[in-house]
Amino acid sequence: MNQHLLFDRIDEPGLNTIPVYEKRGGYGAMRRALAMPPAAIIEEIKQSSLRGRGGAGFQMGQKASFLPQGEMAKYLVCNADESEPGTFKDRELMQKCPHMLIEGIVITTFGTGIHHAFIYIRGEYQLQAQILEAAIAEAEAAGYLGENILGSGHSLKLVLHRGAGAYICGEETGLLDSLEGKRGNPRLKPPFPAIEGLYAGPTLVNNVETLSTVPTIINMGGAEYAKIGTEGSAGTKLISVSGDVQRPGNYEIELGIPSREIIYGLCGGPRPGREVKMWFPGGSSSPVLLAEDLDLPYDFDTLAKAGSMLGSGAIIVVDDSHSALEVARKVTKFYSHESCGKCVPCREGTNWTHKMFARIESGEATPMDLDIVASVQNQIMGNCLCVLGDAMAMPIASIVAKFRAELEAEIEAARERANALPLATLPQAIPVGAH
């Protein structure tokens, strides 16, 4: 049975204000944490096995432990950019319960000895930014932010910074450059942000959902939280379900439940008469899975073994009324537009791949073009400064591999529409890689 931890009574009127939040026990975890040794807070987070909820799935406690000890200037940056297509869970958290995020930030900064924190929020989230600004001012007035919080000796300055609508600024180092006032370009790693991040200081970067989970961990205890979900994927997860389902929206699920229970049980499945054709389990950057994969448990490790990933928890469902070519064109158009252009594999690879699918639609392509597209995705993966190139290459490679026959039929049909020579009359092409 699913537990609601973050979304428990999330629609309660006034939950975005301190009085209603405190009636629910809000800021109780912060008071408890401020009475603990800082190292004990990080130990609780480690014991919880909480994996980052923004996409990479790296354990939060381990990430926090990478920060150097000492009194040097260190920073916490909350990644609230949420620009992955299909993802809209953080928006609801910030809009309806902003103090849960603020409480999580205070606890985390106390545990790591950080006194300056930033929330980098997506530029399009104007309403959520206004709600957060009001919540920060309210927390400052209550003595929950600022100097010597509740007499604990811990001081924290929290600043809200609005982005300008660039997908690349969801990548942590591109975000840091943007936060410093530069163009949002990814940085070469190493050094990693935990060693040299914002203003060249040690920086902990975490997602909204990740930080919002910290108060629950302090209240429950890390070991107790780890009992929820599966061994490798502890806790609950907020998921955003969109596409061809009858009840799209945000849901909180216990990690490890069958994917079919999410798509058909919670979301009602596709419209009557339609079937699931493919689905993205972790946003548009995750390799697609098929209807036969719906019985897979929805957790980090199982989806990775199936050749995809849980990512940000954004499930996009595509039914059989759509063609594989339509999906591929939309994916490539987005990533070619959002590439910052800093490195060649991504800049040229995303744009070129988008043009290759346009060739299919115009009737200029042959099946050999699919071999070339697949080869280009292999050249992109693992060869870019950040994961944006991979974010296109992974789903496109999976679509070409799993829908090859359909794409070849599309090529033939498009050639007929364009009055091009039938494929059977063309000279035999030399396979890619042949000599």
Protein backbone atom coordinates (compact mmCIF):
# COMPACT_ATOMS: atom_id res chain seq x y z
CA MET A 1 0.00 0.00 0.00
CA ASN A 2 1.39 3.41 -0.98
CA GLN A 3 2.30 5.85 1.77
CA HIS A 4 1.86 9.58 1.26
CA LEU A 5 4.79 11.40 2.84
CA LEU A 6 5.33 14.49 0.67
CA PHE A 7 1.81 14.63 -0.76
CA ASP A 8 -0.01 13.96 2.51
CA ARG A 9 -3.00 16.35 2.42
CA ILE A 10 -1.11 18.44 -0.12
CA ASP A 11 -4.28 20.27 -1.20
CA GLU A 12 -5.07 21.61 2.28
CA PRO A 13 -5.94 25.33 1.96
CA GLY A 14 -3.23 27.64 3.27
CA LEU A 15 -0.54 24.95 3.44
CA ASN A 16 1.84 27.43 1.79
CA THR A 17 1.78 29.52 5.01
CA ILE A 18 3.63 28.86 8.27
CA PRO A 19 0.54 28.67 10.56
CA VAL A 20 -1.11 25.87 8.56
CA TYR A 21 2.21 24.12 7.91
CA GLU A 22 3.07 24.17 11.64
CA LYS A 23 -0.37 22.79 12.57
CA ARG A 24 0.64 19.77 10.51
CA GLY A 25 3.90 19.44 12.49
CA GLY A 26 5.91 21.56 10.13
CA TYR A 27 9.32 22.79 11.30
CA GLY A 28 9.26 20.16 14.04
CA ALA A 29 11.95 18.20 12.20
CA MET A 30 14.06 21.36 11.97
CA ARG A 31 13.81 21.94 15.73
CA ARG A 32 14.78 18.32 16.34
CA ALA A 33 17.69 18.53 13.88
CA LEU A 34 19.07 21.75 15.36
CA ALA A 35 19.44 19.92 18.67
CA MET A 36 21.44 17.10 17.03
CA PRO A 37 25.16 17.03 16.24
CA PRO A 38 25.53 18.03 12.56
CA ALA A 39 27.29 14.74 11.73
CA ALA A 40 24.28 12.83 13.09
CA ILE A 41 22.00 14.53 10.53
CA ILE A 42 24.17 13.38 7.63
CA GLU A 43 24.29 9.90 9.16
CA GLU A 44 20.47 9.75 9.25
CA ILE A 45 20.34 10.76 5.58
CA LYS A 46 22.92 8.09 4.75
CA GLN A 47 20.95 5.44 6.64
CA SER A 48 17.80 6.41 4.74
CA SER A 49 19.51 5.43 1.44
CA LEU A 50 17.73 8.41 -0.16
CA ARG A 51 18.73 8.65 -3.80
CA GLY A 52 18.59 11.99 -5.60
CA ARG A 53 15.15 12.65 -7.07
CA GLY A 54 16.31 14.96 -9.86
CA GLY A 55 17.47 12.38 -12.38
CA ALA A 56 20.91 10.96 -11.59
CA GLY A 57 19.78 8.94 -8.56
CA PHE A 58 23.00 9.43 -6.59
CA GLN A 59 22.70 8.88 -2.82
CA MET A 60 22.20 12.22 -1.06
CA GLY A 61 24.04 11.28 2.12
CA GLN A 62 27.10 10.17 0.20
CA LYS A 63 27.03 13.33 -1.92
CA ALA A 64 26.86 15.51 1.20
CA SER A 65 29.79 13.65 2.76
CA PHE A 66 32.00 14.65 -0.19
CA LEU A 67 31.97 18.28 1.01
CA PRO A 68 35.21 19.21 2.75
CA GLN A 69 35.08 19.92 6.47
CA GLY A 70 36.05 23.29 7.88
CA GLU A 71 34.94 26.91 8.01
CA MET A 72 35.50 27.83 4.34
CA ALA A 73 32.61 29.35 2.36
CA LYS A 74 30.36 26.50 1.23
CA TYR A 75 27.08 26.65 -0.62
CA LEU A 76 23.88 24.69 -1.06
CA VAL A 77 22.03 25.09 -4.36
CA CYS A 78 18.51 23.74 -4.76
CA ASN A 79 17.91 22.79 -8.39
CA ALA A 80 14.31 23.89 -9.01
CA ASP A 81 14.79 24.32 -12.76
CA GLU A 82 12.64 21.26 -13.60
CA SER A 83 12.97 21.58 -17.37
CA GLU A 84 12.92 17.87 -18.31
CA PRO A 85 9.91 17.38 -20.62
CA GLY A 86 7.17 15.51 -18.79
CA THR A 87 8.29 16.59 -15.30
CA PHE A 88 6.07 18.86 -13.19
CA LYS A 89 6.15 17.38 -9.66
CA ASP A 90 8.49 19.98 -8.12
CA ARG A 91 6.18 22.73 -9.34
CA GLU A 92 3.34 21.31 -7.22
CA LEU A 93 5.58 20.91 -4.16
CA MET A 94 6.82 24.51 -4.35
CA GLN A 95 3.36 25.89 -5.05
CA LYS A 96 1.45 24.04 -2.34
CA CYS A 97 4.02 23.34 0.39
CA PRO A 98 7.07 25.65 0.03
CA HIS A 99 7.94 25.49 3.74
CA MET A 100 8.69 21.76 3.45
CA LEU A 101 11.48 22.67 1.01
CA ILE A 102 12.73 25.52 3.21
CA GLU A 103 12.75 23.23 6.25
CA GLY A 104 14.73 20.63 4.31
CA ILE A 105 17.24 23.27 3.25
CA VAL A 106 17.75 24.51 6.82
CA ILE A 107 18.31 20.97 8.13
CA THR A 108 20.72 20.06 5.31
CA THR A 109 22.77 23.24 5.65
CA PHE A 110 23.07 22.74 9.41
CA GLY A 111 24.29 19.19 8.85
CA THR A 112 26.90 20.30 6.30
CA GLY A 113 28.03 23.58 7.88
CA ILE A 114 26.68 25.73 5.03
CA HIS A 115 25.52 29.30 5.63
CA HIS A 116 24.56 30.42 2.11
CA ALA A 117 21.85 28.68 0.08
CA PHE A 118 20.15 29.39 -3.23
CA ILE A 119 17.01 28.11 -4.90
CA TYR A 120 17.45 28.28 -8.69
CA ILE A 121 13.91 28.18 -10.06
CA ARG A 122 12.81 27.71 -13.65
CA GLY A 123 12.09 31.03 -15.36
CA GLU A 124 8.60 30.00 -16.44
CA TYR A 125 7.55 29.28 -12.84
CA GLN A 126 6.42 32.83 -12.05
CA LEU A 127 3.61 31.89 -9.66
CA GLN A 128 5.77 29.37 -7.80
CA ALA A 129 8.57 31.93 -7.52
CA GLN A 130 6.18 34.44 -5.95
CA ILE A 131 4.92 31.82 -3.48
CA LEU A 132 8.49 30.86 -2.55
CA GLU A 133 9.52 34.49 -2.07
CA ALA A 134 6.58 35.01 0.29
CA ALA A 135 7.43 31.78 2.17
CA ILE A 136 11.10 32.79 2.54
CA ALA A 137 10.07 36.20 3.93
CA GLU A 138 7.66 34.47 6.30
CA ALA A 139 10.37 32.06 7.49
CA GLU A 140 12.80 34.94 8.04
CA ALA A 141 10.19 36.81 10.10
CA ALA A 142 9.62 33.69 12.21
CA GLY A 143 13.35 33.32 12.90
CA TYR A 144 13.66 30.12 10.84
CA LEU A 145 16.12 31.78 8.43
CA GLY A 146 18.77 34.41 9.11
CA GLU A 147 21.16 34.78 12.02
CA ASN A 148 21.35 32.26 14.88
CA ILE A 149 18.24 30.25 13.95
CA LEU A 150 16.25 29.47 17.13
CA GLY A 151 19.37 30.08 19.20
CA SER A 152 21.17 27.11 17.66
CA GLY A 153 24.17 29.08 16.44
CA HIS A 154 23.32 28.14 12.86
CA SER A 155 22.87 31.04 10.45
CA LEU A 156 21.54 30.77 6.90
CA LYS A 157 20.91 33.26 4.12
CA LEU A 158 18.50 31.80 1.53
CA VAL A 159 18.18 33.50 -1.87
CA LEU A 160 15.68 32.72 -4.63
CA HIS A 161 17.12 33.13 -8.14
CA ARG A 162 14.99 32.91 -11.27
CA GLY A 163 16.36 31.34 -14.43
CA ALA A 164 15.56 32.43 -17.97
CA GLY A 165 14.05 29.31 -19.49
CA ALA A 166 17.06 27.30 -20.67
CA TYR A 167 16.97 23.48 -20.46
CA ILE A 168 20.76 23.35 -20.10
CA CYS A 169 20.50 25.19 -16.77
CA GLY A 170 18.91 22.08 -15.27
CA GLU A 171 22.36 20.49 -15.58
CA GLU A 172 24.11 21.27 -12.30
CA THR A 173 27.25 22.97 -13.65
CA GLY A 174 25.30 24.94 -16.29
CA LEU A 175 23.05 26.03 -13.43
CA LEU A 176 26.05 27.19 -11.40
CA ASP A 177 27.38 29.28 -14.30
CA SER A 178 23.95 30.85 -14.75
CA LEU A 179 23.71 31.55 -11.02
CA GLU A 180 27.06 33.35 -11.21
CA GLY A 181 25.65 35.59 -13.96
CA LYS A 182 27.32 33.86 -16.88
CA ARG A 183 25.81 32.11 -19.91
CA GLY A 184 24.50 28.72 -18.81
CA ASN A 185 27.17 26.38 -20.15
CA PRO A 186 28.22 23.08 -18.61
CA ARG A 187 31.65 22.86 -17.00
CA LEU A 188 34.28 20.23 -17.50
CA LYS A 189 34.28 17.68 -14.65
CA PRO A 190 36.30 17.07 -12.54
CA PRO A 191 36.43 19.18 -10.45
CA PHE A 192 32.95 18.28 -9.27
CA PRO A 193 30.74 20.89 -7.55
CA ALA A 194 31.28 19.29 -4.11
CA ILE A 195 34.92 20.38 -4.38
CA GLU A 196 34.73 23.42 -6.66
CA GLY A 197 31.24 24.67 -7.47
CA LEU A 198 29.52 28.02 -6.99
CA TYR A 199 32.05 30.87 -6.79
CA ALA A 200 34.74 28.12 -6.83
CA GLY A 201 33.62 26.99 -3.36
CA PRO A 202 32.43 23.53 -2.26
CA THR A 203 28.78 23.23 -3.30
CA LEU A 204 26.03 20.73 -2.61
CA VAL A 205 23.45 20.63 -5.42
CA ASN A 206 20.16 18.87 -4.71
CA ASN A 207 16.73 18.70 -6.29
CA VAL A 208 13.51 20.13 -4.76
CA GLU A 209 11.98 16.72 -4.02
CA THR A 210 15.23 15.44 -2.51
CA LEU A 211 15.53 18.34 -0.07
CA SER A 212 11.80 18.24 0.71
CA THR A 213 12.21 14.62 1.84
CA VAL A 214 14.80 15.50 4.50
CA PRO A 215 12.27 16.57 7.20
CA THR A 216 10.46 13.24 6.79
CA ILE A 217 13.75 11.37 7.26
CA ILE A 218 14.54 13.30 10.45
CA ASN A 219 11.03 12.66 11.79
CA MET A 220 10.97 8.96 10.91
CA GLY A 221 14.64 8.15 11.34
CA GLY A 222 16.83 7.11 8.44
CA ALA A 223 16.65 3.37 9.12
CA GLU A 224 12.85 3.45 9.27
CA TYR A 225 12.61 5.42 6.02
CA ALA A 226 14.88 2.88 4.31
CA LYS A 227 12.29 0.16 5.01
CA ILE A 228 9.92 1.80 2.51
CA GLY A 229 10.36 0.81 -1.12
CA THR A 230 13.06 -1.64 -2.18
CA GLU A 231 16.59 -2.30 -0.98
CA GLY A 232 18.21 -0.27 -3.76
CA SER A 233 15.40 2.28 -4.11
CA ALA A 234 14.24 3.39 -0.68
CA GLY A 235 11.27 5.58 0.05
CA THR A 236 8.41 7.07 -1.89
CA LYS A 237 8.75 8.89 -5.19
CA LEU A 238 6.77 11.69 -6.75
CA ILE A 239 5.98 10.87 -10.36
CA SER A 240 4.54 13.01 -13.14
CA VAL A 241 2.46 11.03 -15.63
CA SER A 242 1.49 12.60 -18.94
CA GLY A 243 0.68 11.65 -22.50
CA ASP A 244 -1.97 9.14 -23.52
CA VAL A 245 -3.54 8.30 -20.17
CA GLN A 246 -6.99 9.14 -18.89
CA ARG A 247 -5.87 10.56 -15.52
CA PRO A 248 -2.57 12.39 -16.04
CA GLY A 249 -1.02 14.22 -13.10
CA ASN A 250 1.32 13.95 -10.13
CA TYR A 251 1.24 10.91 -7.87
CA GLU A 252 3.26 9.70 -4.88
CA ILE A 253 4.13 6.02 -5.14
CA GLU A 254 6.20 3.59 -3.13
CA LEU A 255 9.24 2.64 -5.18
CA GLY A 256 9.06 -0.91 -6.48
CA ILE A 257 5.37 -1.07 -7.38
CA PRO A 258 4.58 -2.54 -10.84
CA SER A 259 4.67 0.05 -13.62
CA ARG A 260 1.33 -1.29 -14.87
CA GLU A 261 -0.22 -0.30 -11.53
CA ILE A 262 0.87 3.28 -12.19
CA ILE A 263 -0.15 3.59 -15.85
CA TYR A 264 -3.35 1.54 -15.73
CA GLY A 265 -4.23 1.57 -12.02
CA LEU A 266 -3.56 5.16 -10.97
CA CYS A 267 -3.81 6.80 -14.38
CA GLY A 268 -6.53 4.73 -16.07
CA GLY A 269 -4.43 3.68 -19.06
CA PRO A 270 -4.95 4.96 -22.62
CA ARG A 271 -8.35 5.94 -24.01
CA PRO A 272 -10.77 3.06 -24.79
CA GLY A 273 -9.73 1.20 -27.92
CA ARG A 274 -6.10 2.26 -27.65
CA GLU A 275 -3.05 0.37 -26.41
CA VAL A 276 0.28 1.48 -24.97
CA LYS A 277 2.81 1.58 -27.80
CA MET A 278 5.84 2.90 -25.91
CA TRP A 279 6.52 4.77 -22.69
CA PHE A 280 9.32 6.89 -21.31
CA PRO A 281 9.81 5.85 -17.65
CA GLY A 282 11.97 8.82 -16.62
CA GLY A 283 11.27 11.83 -18.84
CA SER A 284 12.01 12.42 -22.50
CA SER A 285 15.70 11.61 -22.02
CA SER A 286 15.08 8.00 -20.94
CA PRO A 287 15.21 5.11 -23.44
CA VAL A 288 11.69 4.02 -24.34
CA LEU A 289 10.13 0.81 -23.08
CA LEU A 290 7.30 -1.20 -24.66
CA ALA A 291 3.93 -2.53 -23.49
CA GLU A 292 5.61 -5.84 -22.65
CA ASP A 293 7.68 -3.99 -20.02
CA LEU A 294 4.68 -2.71 -18.05
CA ASP A 295 5.00 -5.40 -15.39
CA LEU A 296 8.49 -4.24 -14.42
CA PRO A 297 8.77 -2.87 -10.87
CA TYR A 298 9.17 0.90 -10.95
CA ASP A 299 12.49 1.45 -9.20
CA PHE A 300 15.99 2.67 -10.06
CA ASP A 301 17.72 -0.69 -10.41
CA THR A 302 15.02 -2.63 -12.28
CA LEU A 303 14.56 0.06 -14.92
CA ALA A 304 18.34 0.32 -15.37
CA LYS A 305 18.58 -3.45 -15.93
CA ALA A 306 15.78 -3.13 -18.52
CA GLY A 307 17.94 -0.69 -20.48
CA SER A 308 16.23 2.53 -19.39
CA MET A 309 16.18 4.68 -16.25
CA LEU A 310 13.87 6.12 -13.62
CA GLY A 311 15.35 9.60 -14.10
CA SER A 312 13.20 12.40 -12.71
CA GLY A 313 10.14 10.14 -12.37
CA ALA A 314 8.33 11.57 -15.41
CA ILE A 315 6.35 8.86 -17.19
CA ILE A 316 5.28 9.80 -20.72
CA VAL A 317 2.84 7.31 -22.28
CA VAL A 318 2.46 7.05 -26.07
CA ASP A 319 -0.45 5.03 -27.46
CA ASP A 320 -0.82 3.34 -30.84
CA SER A 321 -2.38 6.40 -32.47
CA HIS A 322 1.12 7.90 -32.82
CA SER A 323 3.95 6.87 -35.12
CA ALA A 324 7.49 6.24 -33.96
CA LEU A 325 8.64 8.88 -36.46
CA GLU A 326 6.39 11.51 -34.86
CA VAL A 327 7.84 10.78 -31.42
CA ALA A 328 11.44 10.79 -32.69
CA ARG A 329 10.98 14.09 -34.49
CA LYS A 330 9.59 15.78 -31.38
CA VAL A 331 12.43 14.49 -29.20
CA THR A 332 15.17 15.54 -31.64
CA LYS A 333 13.58 18.96 -32.25
CA PHE A 334 13.60 19.72 -28.53
CA TYR A 335 17.18 18.68 -27.84
CA SER A 336 18.64 20.27 -30.98
CA HIS A 337 16.96 23.54 -29.94
CA GLU A 338 18.13 23.33 -26.31
CA SER A 339 21.77 22.37 -26.94
CA CYS A 340 24.05 25.13 -25.70
CA GLY A 341 26.43 24.43 -28.59
CA LYS A 342 29.56 24.28 -26.45
CA CYS A 343 30.73 20.83 -27.56
CA VAL A 344 30.70 19.37 -31.07
CA PRO A 345 29.10 15.93 -30.50
CA CYS A 346 25.99 17.52 -28.99
CA ARG A 347 25.82 20.66 -31.14
CA GLU A 348 26.23 18.82 -34.45
CA GLY A 349 24.77 15.46 -33.43
CA THR A 350 21.41 16.72 -32.14
CA ASN A 351 20.86 19.06 -35.09
CA TRP A 352 21.97 16.50 -37.66
CA THR A 353 19.77 13.77 -36.16
CA HIS A 354 16.74 16.06 -36.28
CA LYS A 355 17.43 16.78 -39.96
CA MET A 356 17.75 13.05 -40.71
CA PHE A 357 14.24 12.39 -39.39
CA ALA A 358 13.01 15.32 -41.49
CA ARG A 359 14.53 13.52 -44.50
CA ILE A 360 12.40 10.48 -43.70
CA GLU A 361 9.26 12.60 -43.63
CA SER A 362 10.10 14.35 -46.90
CA GLY A 363 10.74 11.08 -48.76
CA GLU A 364 14.48 11.55 -49.26
CA ALA A 365 15.69 8.84 -46.87
CA THR A 366 16.59 5.18 -47.37
CA PRO A 367 16.91 2.42 -44.73
CA MET A 368 20.67 3.06 -44.68
CA ASP A 369 19.89 6.42 -43.07
CA LEU A 370 18.60 4.55 -40.01
CA ASP A 371 21.96 2.77 -39.70
CA ILE A 372 23.70 6.13 -39.87
CA VAL A 373 21.34 7.64 -37.27
CA ALA A 374 22.04 4.72 -34.92
CA SER A 375 25.78 5.11 -35.48
CA VAL A 376 25.66 8.84 -34.73
CA GLN A 377 23.87 8.20 -31.41
CA ASN A 378 26.74 5.89 -30.44
CA GLN A 379 29.20 8.67 -31.27
CA ILE A 380 27.29 11.15 -29.10
CA MET A 381 26.86 8.99 -25.98
CA GLY A 382 29.59 9.50 -23.42
CA ASN A 383 31.42 12.10 -25.52
CA CYS A 384 29.75 15.35 -24.41
CA LEU A 385 30.58 17.80 -21.65
CA CYS A 386 27.20 17.16 -20.02
CA VAL A 387 24.35 14.70 -20.43
CA LEU A 388 22.25 16.77 -22.88
CA GLY A 389 23.65 14.94 -25.90
CA ASP A 390 23.05 11.59 -24.21
CA ALA A 391 19.55 12.77 -23.28
CA MET A 392 18.67 12.75 -26.97
CA ALA A 393 20.86 9.87 -28.07
CA MET A 394 19.51 7.34 -25.56
CA PRO A 395 15.79 7.58 -26.43
CA ILE A 396 16.50 7.93 -30.18
CA ALA A 397 18.77 4.88 -30.23
CA SER A 398 16.05 2.90 -28.45
CA ILE A 399 13.32 4.07 -30.85
CA VAL A 400 15.41 3.15 -33.91
CA ALA A 401 16.23 -0.27 -32.44
CA LYS A 402 12.70 -1.12 -31.30
CA PHE A 403 10.71 0.38 -34.18
CA ARG A 404 13.06 -0.31 -37.07
CA ALA A 405 10.44 -2.07 -39.21
CA GLU A 406 7.91 0.72 -38.71
CA LEU A 407 10.48 3.39 -39.58
CA GLU A 408 11.45 1.51 -42.75
CA ALA A 409 7.77 1.37 -43.72
CA GLU A 410 7.56 5.12 -43.10
CA ILE A 411 10.55 5.63 -45.41
CA GLU A 412 8.90 3.60 -48.19
CA ALA A 413 5.54 5.38 -47.78
CA ALA A 414 7.17 8.83 -47.76
CA ARG A 415 9.12 8.00 -50.92
CA GLU A 416 5.89 7.02 -52.64
CA ARG A 417 4.24 10.28 -51.61
CA ALA A 418 7.24 12.20 -52.94
CA ASN A 419 7.29 10.17 -56.20
CA ALA A 420 10.84 9.09 -55.43
CA LEU A 421 12.35 5.91 -56.86
CA PRO A 422 11.10 2.77 -55.06
CA LEU A 423 13.67 1.34 -52.67
CA ALA A 424 13.81 -1.94 -54.60
CA THR A 425 15.15 -0.13 -57.68
CA LEU A 426 18.01 1.60 -55.85
CA PRO A 427 21.59 0.22 -55.92
CA GLN A 428 22.46 -1.96 -52.95
CA ALA A 429 23.92 0.28 -50.23
CA ILE A 430 27.15 -0.54 -48.45
CA PRO A 431 26.39 -1.14 -44.73
CA VAL A 432 27.84 1.34 -42.25
CA GLY A 433 31.25 0.18 -41.10
CA ALA A 434 31.84 -2.11 -44.08
CA HIS A 435 35.04 -1.77 -46.10
